[in-house]
Amino acid sequence: MTTTVAAYAAPSAKAPLERTTIERRALGEHDVLIDIKFAGICHSDIHQAREGWGEAIFPMVPGHEIAGVVSEVGPGVTKFKVGDRVGVGCMVDSCRECENCKAGQEQYCVRGNIGTYNAVGYDGRPTYGGYSEKVVVDEAFTLRIPDGLSLDVAAPLLCAGITTYSPLKRWGAGPGKKVAVIGLGGLGHMAVKIAHALGAEVTVLSQSLRKKDDGLKLGADHYYATSDEATFTELAGSFDLIVSTVSAPLDFGAYLGLLKTGGALVNVGAPEEPVSLNLFSLIGGGKTLAGSMIGGIAETQEMLDFCAEHGIGAEIELIAAAEINEAYERVLNSDVRYRFVIDTATI
């Protein structure tokens, strides 16, 4: 039997989100029903609700940073029981059969992973995200939130945490490595915390020094303003790895100049506009310009366990559901430190 739950949805592109009701599917053999306690607001929610990344599915219930408690399980569920603290990230299914899925890289599923919202599941039904009271998810795409993490600060880890953890691990952030993080926002502040915990020497590259004190408290060793042209001269050839967390186009040539020979600039932010690049800025130093999209389910669990071990949660501002539209505008104005999280009890 389906379940009717309250939610906040965008009825059409660029329309304000409003309270509504949605149907959650009946519990399947391997499904868990989750009472959502907290849902983070990611910049990608805004991109999609306003069709910044292309045509979208409406009505849309955003939210892929979900933390809650299992309230019911299907008869075949083995990983979870009622009362378990769990999370759901950016995807809720994949083909599970392709090379990437079998390698634990479900986010790169050849058939295409099924997004937590703004997607159509294999059952033909649209998916709805975490700005709601409950969600039904296959146990294979449900994460266990360790007891050491509060659910409110854990919710943003399901996107912002794994989005930054994955490239930091893949490109070897750790002792003896110099890592720069472009932008100190929802993604950037997590990148700083995680890179610091991994043992890297961390530098924040931000437009101004406005958040310098915050950056240093979060674990950065250095903080520079990119609006100062001297920064690019002083730091030329300094970094093994640069992680760009911003969703605005960059002068990639300038930032690639900050890498050591063989260094990598990895993008996890996704601008709506195309970017250009002079390839000599790559060729000249054997450098890599790369992208990274969240992480697989196993790696996401690894990230949650790592964050619990190191006492890492997101820096959040808890809001009521009625404040979602205001929060969207504040995100666009960089007026949040550093992640809005919805108390879903207010839905």
C-alpha atoms as a PDB file:
ATOM      1  CA  MET A   1       0.000   0.000   0.000  1.00  0.00           C
ATOM      2  CA  THR A   2       1.309   3.429  -0.917  1.00  0.00           C
ATOM      3  CA  THR A   3       1.850   6.079   1.756  1.00  0.00           C
ATOM      4  CA  THR A   4       0.717   9.703   1.474  1.00  0.00           C
ATOM      5  CA  VAL A   5       3.197  12.138   3.020  1.00  0.00           C
ATOM      6  CA  ALA A   6       3.593  15.883   3.256  1.00  0.00           C
ATOM      7  CA  ALA A   7       6.389  17.490   1.235  1.00  0.00           C
ATOM      8  CA  TYR A   8       7.640  20.759  -0.211  1.00  0.00           C
ATOM      9  CA  ALA A   9       7.699  20.840  -4.001  1.00  0.00           C
ATOM     10  CA  ALA A  10       8.428  23.199  -6.878  1.00  0.00           C
ATOM     11  CA  PRO A  11       5.263  23.026  -9.032  1.00  0.00           C
ATOM     12  CA  SER A  12       7.097  24.319 -12.096  1.00  0.00           C
ATOM     13  CA  ALA A  13      10.459  25.732 -13.146  1.00  0.00           C
ATOM     14  CA  LYS A  14      11.515  28.752 -11.100  1.00  0.00           C
ATOM     15  CA  ALA A  15       8.260  28.673  -9.090  1.00  0.00           C
ATOM     16  CA  PRO A  16       8.517  29.000  -5.302  1.00  0.00           C
ATOM     17  CA  LEU A  17       8.379  25.727  -3.417  1.00  0.00           C
ATOM     18  CA  GLU A  18       5.095  25.060  -1.649  1.00  0.00           C
ATOM     19  CA  ARG A  19       3.669  22.512   0.755  1.00  0.00           C
ATOM     20  CA  THR A  20       1.893  19.597  -0.879  1.00  0.00           C
ATOM     21  CA  THR A  21       1.399  15.841  -0.529  1.00  0.00           C
ATOM     22  CA  ILE A  22       3.049  13.033  -2.486  1.00  0.00           C
ATOM     23  CA  GLU A  23       2.678   9.264  -2.702  1.00  0.00           C
ATOM     24  CA  ARG A  24       5.501   7.004  -1.599  1.00  0.00           C
ATOM     25  CA  ARG A  25       5.522   3.536  -3.129  1.00  0.00           C
ATOM     26  CA  ALA A  26       4.467   0.449  -1.234  1.00  0.00           C
ATOM     27  CA  LEU A  27       7.284  -1.264   0.615  1.00  0.00           C
ATOM     28  CA  GLY A  28       8.990  -3.803  -1.616  1.00  0.00           C
ATOM     29  CA  GLU A  29      10.917  -6.939  -0.694  1.00  0.00           C
ATOM     30  CA  HIS A  30      14.188  -5.097  -0.095  1.00  0.00           C
ATOM     31  CA  ASP A  31      12.870  -1.618   0.743  1.00  0.00           C
ATOM     32  CA  VAL A  32      13.139   0.397   3.920  1.00  0.00           C
ATOM     33  CA  LEU A  33      10.698   3.100   4.980  1.00  0.00           C
ATOM     34  CA  ILE A  34      12.584   6.024   6.484  1.00  0.00           C
ATOM     35  CA  ASP A  35      11.127   8.718   8.719  1.00  0.00           C
ATOM     36  CA  ILE A  36      13.134  11.699   7.494  1.00  0.00           C
ATOM     37  CA  LYS A  37      14.406  13.878  10.324  1.00  0.00           C
ATOM     38  CA  PHE A  38      16.654  16.309   8.444  1.00  0.00           C
ATOM     39  CA  ALA A  39      17.258  17.246   4.813  1.00  0.00           C
ATOM     40  CA  GLY A  40      20.118  19.426   3.595  1.00  0.00           C
ATOM     41  CA  ILE A  41      19.723  22.095   0.927  1.00  0.00           C
ATOM     42  CA  CYS A  42      22.324  21.658  -1.811  1.00  0.00           C
ATOM     43  CA  HIS A  43      23.037  24.250  -4.522  1.00  0.00           C
ATOM     44  CA  SER A  44      22.202  21.526  -7.019  1.00  0.00           C
ATOM     45  CA  ASP A  45      18.636  21.554  -5.665  1.00  0.00           C
ATOM     46  CA  ILE A  46      18.380  25.127  -6.901  1.00  0.00           C
ATOM     47  CA  HIS A  47      20.006  24.352 -10.260  1.00  0.00           C
ATOM     48  CA  GLN A  48      17.440  21.636 -10.877  1.00  0.00           C
ATOM     49  CA  ALA A  49      14.352  23.350  -9.449  1.00  0.00           C
ATOM     50  CA  ARG A  50      15.089  26.320 -11.705  1.00  0.00           C
ATOM     51  CA  GLU A  51      16.116  24.218 -14.710  1.00  0.00           C
ATOM     52  CA  GLY A  52      19.625  25.655 -14.714  1.00  0.00           C
ATOM     53  CA  TRP A  53      21.000  22.297 -15.833  1.00  0.00           C
ATOM     54  CA  GLY A  54      18.320  21.625 -18.413  1.00  0.00           C
ATOM     55  CA  GLU A  55      14.751  20.381 -18.617  1.00  0.00           C
ATOM     56  CA  ALA A  56      13.451  18.933 -15.359  1.00  0.00           C
ATOM     57  CA  ILE A  57      10.489  16.929 -14.040  1.00  0.00           C
ATOM     58  CA  PHE A  58       7.720  18.749 -12.162  1.00  0.00           C
ATOM     59  CA  PRO A  59       6.324  18.835  -9.607  1.00  0.00           C
ATOM     60  CA  MET A  60       9.771  18.399  -8.051  1.00  0.00           C
ATOM     61  CA  VAL A  61      10.506  17.542  -4.443  1.00  0.00           C
ATOM     62  CA  PRO A  62      14.248  18.284  -4.111  1.00  0.00           C
ATOM     63  CA  GLY A  63      16.622  16.980  -1.494  1.00  0.00           C
ATOM     64  CA  HIS A  64      19.398  14.392  -1.670  1.00  0.00           C
ATOM     65  CA  GLU A  65      20.979  14.954   1.736  1.00  0.00           C
ATOM     66  CA  ILE A  66      18.639  12.850   3.834  1.00  0.00           C
ATOM     67  CA  ALA A  67      19.055  11.668   7.420  1.00  0.00           C
ATOM     68  CA  GLY A  68      16.427   9.766   9.346  1.00  0.00           C
ATOM     69  CA  VAL A  69      15.339   6.619  11.144  1.00  0.00           C
ATOM     70  CA  VAL A  70      14.056   3.332   9.722  1.00  0.00           C
ATOM     71  CA  SER A  71      10.387   2.849  10.635  1.00  0.00           C
ATOM     72  CA  GLU A  72       9.583  -0.267   8.593  1.00  0.00           C
ATOM     73  CA  VAL A  73      11.456  -2.849   6.522  1.00  0.00           C
ATOM     74  CA  GLY A  74      10.507  -5.173   3.689  1.00  0.00           C
ATOM     75  CA  PRO A  75      10.513  -8.939   4.304  1.00  0.00           C
ATOM     76  CA  GLY A  76      13.818  -9.466   2.478  1.00  0.00           C
ATOM     77  CA  VAL A  77      15.798  -6.686   4.157  1.00  0.00           C
ATOM     78  CA  THR A  78      18.971  -7.864   5.891  1.00  0.00           C
ATOM     79  CA  LYS A  79      21.069  -4.701   6.328  1.00  0.00           C
ATOM     80  CA  PHE A  80      18.714  -2.648   8.490  1.00  0.00           C
ATOM     81  CA  LYS A  81      16.106  -2.921  11.204  1.00  0.00           C
ATOM     82  CA  VAL A  82      13.484  -0.610  12.626  1.00  0.00           C
ATOM     83  CA  GLY A  83      15.126   2.148  14.659  1.00  0.00           C
ATOM     84  CA  ASP A  84      18.392   2.256  12.701  1.00  0.00           C
ATOM     85  CA  ARG A  85      19.842   5.694  11.901  1.00  0.00           C
ATOM     86  CA  VAL A  86      20.252   5.954   8.144  1.00  0.00           C
ATOM     87  CA  GLY A  87      20.945   8.307   5.287  1.00  0.00           C
ATOM     88  CA  VAL A  88      20.152   8.607   1.591  1.00  0.00           C
ATOM     89  CA  GLY A  89      22.317  10.506  -0.859  1.00  0.00           C
ATOM     90  CA  CYS A  90      22.109  11.519  -4.492  1.00  0.00           C
ATOM     91  CA  MET A  91      20.940   8.232  -6.008  1.00  0.00           C
ATOM     92  CA  VAL A  92      18.414   5.561  -5.132  1.00  0.00           C
ATOM     93  CA  ASP A  93      19.102   2.911  -7.757  1.00  0.00           C
ATOM     94  CA  SER A  94      21.276   1.825 -10.682  1.00  0.00           C
ATOM     95  CA  CYS A  95      21.345  -1.100 -13.086  1.00  0.00           C
ATOM     96  CA  ARG A  96      23.674  -3.010 -10.709  1.00  0.00           C
ATOM     97  CA  GLU A  97      24.895  -5.087 -13.665  1.00  0.00           C
ATOM     98  CA  CYS A  98      27.280  -2.899 -15.676  1.00  0.00           C
ATOM     99  CA  GLU A  99      31.042  -2.757 -15.190  1.00  0.00           C
ATOM    100  CA  ASN A 100      30.848   0.448 -13.163  1.00  0.00           C
ATOM    101  CA  CYS A 101      28.113  -0.782 -10.843  1.00  0.00           C
ATOM    102  CA  LYS A 102      29.962  -4.019 -10.184  1.00  0.00           C
ATOM    103  CA  ALA A 103      33.081  -1.981  -9.373  1.00  0.00           C
ATOM    104  CA  GLY A 104      31.209   0.003  -6.712  1.00  0.00           C
ATOM    105  CA  GLN A 105      30.910   3.073  -8.943  1.00  0.00           C
ATOM    106  CA  GLU A 106      27.122   3.165  -9.150  1.00  0.00           C
ATOM    107  CA  GLN A 107      27.170   6.912  -9.726  1.00  0.00           C
ATOM    108  CA  TYR A 108      28.693   6.207 -13.152  1.00  0.00           C
ATOM    109  CA  CYS A 109      26.191   3.477 -14.052  1.00  0.00           C
ATOM    110  CA  VAL A 110      26.307   2.949 -17.808  1.00  0.00           C
ATOM    111  CA  ARG A 111      22.538   2.840 -17.973  1.00  0.00           C
ATOM    112  CA  GLY A 112      22.364   5.920 -15.745  1.00  0.00           C
ATOM    113  CA  ASN A 113      21.890   6.005 -11.994  1.00  0.00           C
ATOM    114  CA  ILE A 114      18.425   6.878 -10.696  1.00  0.00           C
ATOM    115  CA  GLY A 115      18.571  10.230  -8.942  1.00  0.00           C
ATOM    116  CA  THR A 116      16.905  10.657  -5.572  1.00  0.00           C
ATOM    117  CA  TYR A 117      14.707  13.283  -7.210  1.00  0.00           C
ATOM    118  CA  ASN A 118      14.105  14.717 -10.692  1.00  0.00           C
ATOM    119  CA  ALA A 119      14.424  11.231 -12.161  1.00  0.00           C
ATOM    120  CA  VAL A 120      12.269   8.315 -13.255  1.00  0.00           C
ATOM    121  CA  GLY A 121      12.801   4.963 -11.552  1.00  0.00           C
ATOM    122  CA  TYR A 122      12.844   1.607 -13.273  1.00  0.00           C
ATOM    123  CA  ASP A 123       9.196   1.259 -12.214  1.00  0.00           C
ATOM    124  CA  GLY A 124       8.337   4.269 -14.382  1.00  0.00           C
ATOM    125  CA  ARG A 125       7.461   6.484 -11.432  1.00  0.00           C
ATOM    126  CA  PRO A 126       9.123   9.855 -10.770  1.00  0.00           C
ATOM    127  CA  THR A 127      11.415  10.054  -7.780  1.00  0.00           C
ATOM    128  CA  TYR A 128      10.848  12.589  -5.026  1.00  0.00           C
ATOM    129  CA  GLY A 129      13.536  13.774  -2.643  1.00  0.00           C
ATOM    130  CA  GLY A 130      14.090  14.588   0.979  1.00  0.00           C
ATOM    131  CA  TYR A 131      12.023  17.723   1.502  1.00  0.00           C
ATOM    132  CA  SER A 132       9.344  15.391   2.825  1.00  0.00           C
ATOM    133  CA  GLU A 133       8.267  13.399   5.853  1.00  0.00           C
ATOM    134  CA  LYS A 134       9.165   9.906   4.650  1.00  0.00           C
ATOM    135  CA  VAL A 135      10.937   8.105   1.826  1.00  0.00           C
ATOM    136  CA  VAL A 136      11.035   4.498   0.609  1.00  0.00           C
ATOM    137  CA  VAL A 137      14.483   3.350  -0.565  1.00  0.00           C
ATOM    138  CA  ASP A 138      16.038   0.022  -1.511  1.00  0.00           C
ATOM    139  CA  GLU A 139      18.362  -1.127   1.258  1.00  0.00           C
ATOM    140  CA  ALA A 140      21.223  -1.340  -1.267  1.00  0.00           C
ATOM    141  CA  PHE A 141      21.139   2.461  -1.618  1.00  0.00           C
ATOM    142  CA  THR A 142      20.628   3.235   2.054  1.00  0.00           C
ATOM    143  CA  LEU A 143      23.594   4.237   4.253  1.00  0.00           C
ATOM    144  CA  ARG A 144      24.147   3.630   7.940  1.00  0.00           C
ATOM    145  CA  ILE A 145      24.854   6.791   9.929  1.00  0.00           C
ATOM    146  CA  PRO A 146      27.308   5.982  12.756  1.00  0.00           C
ATOM    147  CA  ASP A 147      26.257   6.758  16.308  1.00  0.00           C
ATOM    148  CA  GLY A 148      29.045   9.333  16.590  1.00  0.00           C
ATOM    149  CA  LEU A 149      27.299  11.676  14.152  1.00  0.00           C
ATOM    150  CA  SER A 150      24.229  13.750  14.973  1.00  0.00           C
ATOM    151  CA  LEU A 151      21.614  13.371  12.247  1.00  0.00           C
ATOM    152  CA  ASP A 152      21.360  17.102  11.563  1.00  0.00           C
ATOM    153  CA  VAL A 153      25.073  17.600  10.830  1.00  0.00           C
ATOM    154  CA  ALA A 154      25.280  14.222   9.093  1.00  0.00           C
ATOM    155  CA  ALA A 155      22.618  15.008   6.477  1.00  0.00           C
ATOM    156  CA  PRO A 156      24.882  17.220   4.297  1.00  0.00           C
ATOM    157  CA  LEU A 157      27.550  14.529   4.303  1.00  0.00           C
ATOM    158  CA  LEU A 158      25.354  12.478   1.956  1.00  0.00           C
ATOM    159  CA  CYS A 159      26.213  14.921  -0.847  1.00  0.00           C
ATOM    160  CA  ALA A 160      28.701  17.576   0.241  1.00  0.00           C
ATOM    161  CA  GLY A 161      30.707  15.064   2.244  1.00  0.00           C
ATOM    162  CA  ILE A 162      31.068  12.350  -0.367  1.00  0.00           C
ATOM    163  CA  THR A 163      31.430  14.841  -3.231  1.00  0.00           C
ATOM    164  CA  THR A 164      34.625  16.140  -1.650  1.00  0.00           C
ATOM    165  CA  TYR A 165      35.870  12.972   0.093  1.00  0.00           C
ATOM    166  CA  SER A 166      35.941  10.950  -3.121  1.00  0.00           C
ATOM    167  CA  PRO A 167      38.347  13.140  -5.140  1.00  0.00           C
ATOM    168  CA  LEU A 168      40.513  13.865  -2.110  1.00  0.00           C
ATOM    169  CA  LYS A 169      40.984  10.131  -1.616  1.00  0.00           C
ATOM    170  CA  ARG A 170      41.353   9.312  -5.311  1.00  0.00           C
ATOM    171  CA  TRP A 171      44.039  11.943  -5.904  1.00  0.00           C
ATOM    172  CA  GLY A 172      45.967  11.082  -2.767  1.00  0.00           C
ATOM    173  CA  ALA A 173      45.357  13.940  -0.351  1.00  0.00           C
ATOM    174  CA  GLY A 174      47.349  13.145   2.768  1.00  0.00           C
ATOM    175  CA  PRO A 175      50.572  13.843   4.640  1.00  0.00           C
ATOM    176  CA  GLY A 176      53.162  15.588   2.499  1.00  0.00           C
ATOM    177  CA  LYS A 177      50.586  16.764  -0.043  1.00  0.00           C
ATOM    178  CA  LYS A 178      49.547  20.362  -0.635  1.00  0.00           C
ATOM    179  CA  VAL A 179      45.847  20.687  -1.393  1.00  0.00           C
ATOM    180  CA  ALA A 180      43.942  23.829  -2.369  1.00  0.00           C
ATOM    181  CA  VAL A 181      40.182  24.204  -2.131  1.00  0.00           C
ATOM    182  CA  ILE A 182      38.499  26.765  -4.374  1.00  0.00           C
ATOM    183  CA  GLY A 183      35.519  28.278  -2.578  1.00  0.00           C
ATOM    184  CA  LEU A 184      34.468  28.047   1.061  1.00  0.00           C
ATOM    185  CA  GLY A 185      30.784  27.197   0.793  1.00  0.00           C
ATOM    186  CA  GLY A 186      28.691  24.103   1.392  1.00  0.00           C
ATOM    187  CA  LEU A 187      31.099  21.870  -0.518  1.00  0.00           C
ATOM    188  CA  GLY A 188      34.259  23.824   0.204  1.00  0.00           C
ATOM    189  CA  HIS A 189      33.977  23.798   3.965  1.00  0.00           C
ATOM    190  CA  MET A 190      33.617  20.006   3.896  1.00  0.00           C
ATOM    191  CA  ALA A 191      36.621  19.702   1.574  1.00  0.00           C
ATOM    192  CA  VAL A 192      38.713  21.691   4.058  1.00  0.00           C
ATOM    193  CA  LYS A 193      37.637  19.567   7.017  1.00  0.00           C
ATOM    194  CA  ILE A 194      38.210  16.277   5.223  1.00  0.00           C
ATOM    195  CA  ALA A 195      41.531  17.255   3.602  1.00  0.00           C
ATOM    196  CA  HIS A 196      42.800  18.414   6.998  1.00  0.00           C
ATOM    197  CA  ALA A 197      41.702  15.144   8.628  1.00  0.00           C
ATOM    198  CA  LEU A 198      43.489  13.201   5.880  1.00  0.00           C
ATOM    199  CA  GLY A 199      46.694  14.991   6.864  1.00  0.00           C
ATOM    200  CA  ALA A 200      47.195  17.306   3.887  1.00  0.00           C
ATOM    201  CA  GLU A 201      48.439  20.880   4.055  1.00  0.00           C
ATOM    202  CA  VAL A 202      45.287  22.820   3.118  1.00  0.00           C
ATOM    203  CA  THR A 203      44.912  26.204   1.436  1.00  0.00           C
ATOM    204  CA  VAL A 204      41.617  27.953   0.745  1.00  0.00           C
ATOM    205  CA  LEU A 205      41.343  30.027  -2.423  1.00  0.00           C
ATOM    206  CA  SER A 206      38.373  32.355  -2.070  1.00  0.00           C
ATOM    207  CA  GLN A 207      37.331  35.551  -3.817  1.00  0.00           C
ATOM    208  CA  SER A 208      37.962  37.583  -0.684  1.00  0.00           C
ATOM    209  CA  LEU A 209      39.333  37.195   2.830  1.00  0.00           C
ATOM    210  CA  ARG A 210      35.853  37.616   4.330  1.00  0.00           C
ATOM    211  CA  LYS A 211      35.727  34.027   5.608  1.00  0.00           C
ATOM    212  CA  LYS A 212      39.407  33.684   6.481  1.00  0.00           C
ATOM    213  CA  ASP A 213      38.859  33.199  10.209  1.00  0.00           C
ATOM    214  CA  ASP A 214      36.281  30.497   9.493  1.00  0.00           C
ATOM    215  CA  GLY A 215      38.574  28.741   7.036  1.00  0.00           C
ATOM    216  CA  LEU A 216      41.424  28.562   9.516  1.00  0.00           C
ATOM    217  CA  LYS A 217      39.119  27.270  12.260  1.00  0.00           C
ATOM    218  CA  LEU A 218      37.814  24.568   9.911  1.00  0.00           C
ATOM    219  CA  GLY A 219      41.320  23.272   9.351  1.00  0.00           C
ATOM    220  CA  ALA A 220      42.924  25.347   6.603  1.00  0.00           C
ATOM    221  CA  ASP A 221      46.604  26.171   7.019  1.00  0.00           C
ATOM    222  CA  HIS A 222      46.509  29.106   4.598  1.00  0.00           C
ATOM    223  CA  TYR A 223      43.879  31.376   3.063  1.00  0.00           C
ATOM    224  CA  TYR A 224      44.263  33.552  -0.023  1.00  0.00           C
ATOM    225  CA  ALA A 225      42.018  35.941  -1.945  1.00  0.00           C
ATOM    226  CA  THR A 226      41.779  35.158  -5.652  1.00  0.00           C
ATOM    227  CA  SER A 227      40.671  38.729  -6.340  1.00  0.00           C
ATOM    228  CA  ASP A 228      44.284  39.695  -5.586  1.00  0.00           C
ATOM    229  CA  GLU A 229      46.383  39.059  -8.710  1.00  0.00           C
ATOM    230  CA  ALA A 230      49.464  38.635  -6.529  1.00  0.00           C
ATOM    231  CA  THR A 231      47.961  35.379  -5.232  1.00  0.00           C
ATOM    232  CA  PHE A 232      48.488  33.672  -8.590  1.00  0.00           C
ATOM    233  CA  THR A 233      52.101  34.849  -8.738  1.00  0.00           C
ATOM    234  CA  GLU A 234      52.926  33.913  -5.153  1.00  0.00           C
ATOM    235  CA  LEU A 235      51.346  30.454  -5.341  1.00  0.00           C
ATOM    236  CA  ALA A 236      52.462  29.461  -8.852  1.00  0.00           C
ATOM    237  CA  GLY A 237      53.474  25.798  -8.981  1.00  0.00           C
ATOM    238  CA  SER A 238      52.501  25.163  -5.345  1.00  0.00           C
ATOM    239  CA  PHE A 239      49.838  22.456  -5.230  1.00  0.00           C
ATOM    240  CA  ASP A 240      49.622  18.734  -5.815  1.00  0.00           C
ATOM    241  CA  LEU A 241      45.826  18.905  -5.970  1.00  0.00           C
ATOM    242  CA  ILE A 242      43.229  21.623  -6.358  1.00  0.00           C
ATOM    243  CA  VAL A 243      39.559  20.851  -5.769  1.00  0.00           C
ATOM    244  CA  SER A 244      37.139  23.389  -7.250  1.00  0.00           C
ATOM    245  CA  THR A 245      33.844  23.463  -5.378  1.00  0.00           C
ATOM    246  CA  VAL A 246      32.322  26.526  -7.032  1.00  0.00           C
ATOM    247  CA  SER A 247      29.495  26.598  -9.543  1.00  0.00           C
ATOM    248  CA  ALA A 248      30.750  29.661 -11.417  1.00  0.00           C
ATOM    249  CA  PRO A 249      33.034  29.509 -14.482  1.00  0.00           C
ATOM    250  CA  LEU A 250      36.723  29.867 -13.674  1.00  0.00           C
ATOM    251  CA  ASP A 251      39.808  31.040 -15.511  1.00  0.00           C
ATOM    252  CA  PHE A 252      41.190  27.519 -15.691  1.00  0.00           C
ATOM    253  CA  GLY A 253      44.486  28.648 -17.138  1.00  0.00           C
ATOM    254  CA  ALA A 254      45.160  30.768 -14.068  1.00  0.00           C
ATOM    255  CA  TYR A 255      44.295  27.984 -11.632  1.00  0.00           C
ATOM    256  CA  LEU A 256      46.210  25.323 -13.544  1.00  0.00           C
ATOM    257  CA  GLY A 257      49.235  27.594 -13.146  1.00  0.00           C
ATOM    258  CA  LEU A 258      49.033  26.977  -9.391  1.00  0.00           C
ATOM    259  CA  LEU A 259      49.681  23.246  -9.811  1.00  0.00           C
ATOM    260  CA  LYS A 260      52.999  21.488  -9.550  1.00  0.00           C
ATOM    261  CA  THR A 261      54.146  19.477 -12.540  1.00  0.00           C
ATOM    262  CA  GLY A 262      51.828  16.486 -12.774  1.00  0.00           C
ATOM    263  CA  GLY A 263      49.253  18.047 -10.448  1.00  0.00           C
ATOM    264  CA  ALA A 264      45.487  17.767 -10.829  1.00  0.00           C
ATOM    265  CA  LEU A 265      42.647  20.275 -10.799  1.00  0.00           C
ATOM    266  CA  VAL A 266      39.411  18.417 -10.047  1.00  0.00           C
ATOM    267  CA  ASN A 267      35.986  19.949 -10.500  1.00  0.00           C
ATOM    268  CA  VAL A 268      33.094  18.986  -8.269  1.00  0.00           C
ATOM    269  CA  GLY A 269      31.160  22.216  -8.794  1.00  0.00           C
ATOM    270  CA  ALA A 270      29.069  22.312 -11.975  1.00  0.00           C
ATOM    271  CA  PRO A 271      28.598  25.741 -13.600  1.00  0.00           C
ATOM    272  CA  GLU A 272      25.522  26.202 -15.765  1.00  0.00           C
ATOM    273  CA  GLU A 273      27.622  27.921 -18.444  1.00  0.00           C
ATOM    274  CA  PRO A 274      30.247  26.322 -20.714  1.00  0.00           C
ATOM    275  CA  VAL A 275      33.890  27.017 -19.923  1.00  0.00           C
ATOM    276  CA  SER A 276      36.898  27.468 -22.206  1.00  0.00           C
ATOM    277  CA  LEU A 277      40.463  26.279 -21.839  1.00  0.00           C
ATOM    278  CA  ASN A 278      43.781  26.837 -23.596  1.00  0.00           C
ATOM    279  CA  LEU A 279      45.211  23.317 -23.691  1.00  0.00           C
ATOM    280  CA  PHE A 280      48.787  24.582 -23.385  1.00  0.00           C
ATOM    281  CA  SER A 281      48.035  25.215 -19.693  1.00  0.00           C
ATOM    282  CA  LEU A 282      47.680  21.430 -19.365  1.00  0.00           C
ATOM    283  CA  ILE A 283      50.344  20.274 -21.794  1.00  0.00           C
ATOM    284  CA  GLY A 284      53.058  22.508 -20.391  1.00  0.00           C
ATOM    285  CA  GLY A 285      53.173  20.794 -17.013  1.00  0.00           C
ATOM    286  CA  GLY A 286      51.757  17.337 -17.625  1.00  0.00           C
ATOM    287  CA  LYS A 287      48.749  18.420 -15.596  1.00  0.00           C
ATOM    288  CA  THR A 288      45.283  16.923 -15.257  1.00  0.00           C
ATOM    289  CA  LEU A 289      41.923  18.683 -15.445  1.00  0.00           C
ATOM    290  CA  ALA A 290      39.347  16.256 -14.093  1.00  0.00           C
ATOM    291  CA  GLY A 291      35.837  15.907 -12.774  1.00  0.00           C
ATOM    292  CA  SER A 292      34.334  13.865  -9.975  1.00  0.00           C
ATOM    293  CA  MET A 293      30.700  13.072  -9.201  1.00  0.00           C
ATOM    294  CA  ILE A 294      29.736  12.040  -5.661  1.00  0.00           C
ATOM    295  CA  GLY A 295      30.909   8.467  -4.918  1.00  0.00           C
ATOM    296  CA  GLY A 296      29.680   4.898  -4.916  1.00  0.00           C
ATOM    297  CA  ILE A 297      27.621   3.428  -2.092  1.00  0.00           C
ATOM    298  CA  ALA A 298      30.560   1.629  -0.456  1.00  0.00           C
ATOM    299  CA  GLU A 299      32.724   4.742  -0.608  1.00  0.00           C
ATOM    300  CA  THR A 300      29.903   6.842   0.816  1.00  0.00           C
ATOM    301  CA  GLN A 301      29.683   4.493   3.783  1.00  0.00           C
ATOM    302  CA  GLU A 302      33.466   4.704   4.132  1.00  0.00           C
ATOM    303  CA  MET A 303      33.166   8.503   4.193  1.00  0.00           C
ATOM    304  CA  LEU A 304      30.481   8.444   6.896  1.00  0.00           C
ATOM    305  CA  ASP A 305      32.603   6.133   9.031  1.00  0.00           C
ATOM    306  CA  PHE A 306      35.669   8.355   8.476  1.00  0.00           C
ATOM    307  CA  CYS A 307      33.736  11.473   9.479  1.00  0.00           C
ATOM    308  CA  ALA A 308      32.421   9.786  12.608  1.00  0.00           C
ATOM    309  CA  GLU A 309      35.932   8.648  13.528  1.00  0.00           C
ATOM    310  CA  HIS A 310      37.308  12.169  13.122  1.00  0.00           C
ATOM    311  CA  GLY A 311      34.349  14.050  14.578  1.00  0.00           C
ATOM    312  CA  ILE A 312      33.480  15.714  11.283  1.00  0.00           C
ATOM    313  CA  GLY A 313      29.992  17.041  10.615  1.00  0.00           C
ATOM    314  CA  ALA A 314      28.743  19.875   8.454  1.00  0.00           C
ATOM    315  CA  GLU A 315      28.486  23.421   9.774  1.00  0.00           C
ATOM    316  CA  ILE A 316      24.745  24.007   9.524  1.00  0.00           C
ATOM    317  CA  GLU A 317      21.953  26.509   9.946  1.00  0.00           C
ATOM    318  CA  LEU A 318      18.789  24.646  10.896  1.00  0.00           C
ATOM    319  CA  ILE A 319      15.631  26.059   9.316  1.00  0.00           C
ATOM    320  CA  ALA A 320      11.918  25.372   9.204  1.00  0.00           C
ATOM    321  CA  ALA A 321      10.372  24.161   5.945  1.00  0.00           C
ATOM    322  CA  ALA A 322       8.552  27.476   5.513  1.00  0.00           C
ATOM    323  CA  GLU A 323      11.977  29.122   5.114  1.00  0.00           C
ATOM    324  CA  ILE A 324      13.082  27.056   2.105  1.00  0.00           C
ATOM    325  CA  ASN A 325      12.461  29.728  -0.526  1.00  0.00           C
ATOM    326  CA  GLU A 326      14.285  32.336   1.534  1.00  0.00           C
ATOM    327  CA  ALA A 327      17.131  29.874   2.033  1.00  0.00           C
ATOM    328  CA  TYR A 328      17.420  29.391  -1.745  1.00  0.00           C
ATOM    329  CA  GLU A 329      17.948  33.121  -2.221  1.00  0.00           C
ATOM    330  CA  ARG A 330      20.468  33.213   0.584  1.00  0.00           C
ATOM    331  CA  VAL A 331      22.427  30.347  -0.987  1.00  0.00           C
ATOM    332  CA  LEU A 332      22.581  32.292  -4.247  1.00  0.00           C
ATOM    333  CA  ASN A 333      23.872  35.290  -2.299  1.00  0.00           C
ATOM    334  CA  SER A 334      26.472  33.156  -0.453  1.00  0.00           C
ATOM    335  CA  ASP A 335      24.692  34.029   2.785  1.00  0.00           C
ATOM    336  CA  VAL A 336      24.968  30.734   4.651  1.00  0.00           C
ATOM    337  CA  ARG A 337      27.648  29.218   6.866  1.00  0.00           C
ATOM    338  CA  TYR A 338      27.711  26.641   5.560  1.00  0.00           C
ATOM    339  CA  ARG A 339      24.733  24.412   4.848  1.00  0.00           C
ATOM    340  CA  PHE A 340      21.028  24.942   5.376  1.00  0.00           C
ATOM    341  CA  VAL A 341      19.344  21.894   6.870  1.00  0.00           C
ATOM    342  CA  ILE A 342      15.566  21.542   7.019  1.00  0.00           C
ATOM    343  CA  ASP A 343      13.993  20.248  10.219  1.00  0.00           C
ATOM    344  CA  THR A 344      11.441  18.014   8.531  1.00  0.00           C
ATOM    345  CA  ALA A 345       9.264  17.988  11.639  1.00  0.00           C
ATOM    346  CA  THR A 346       8.183  21.438  10.417  1.00  0.00           C
ATOM    347  CA  ILE A 347       6.803  20.097   7.127  1.00  0.00           C
END
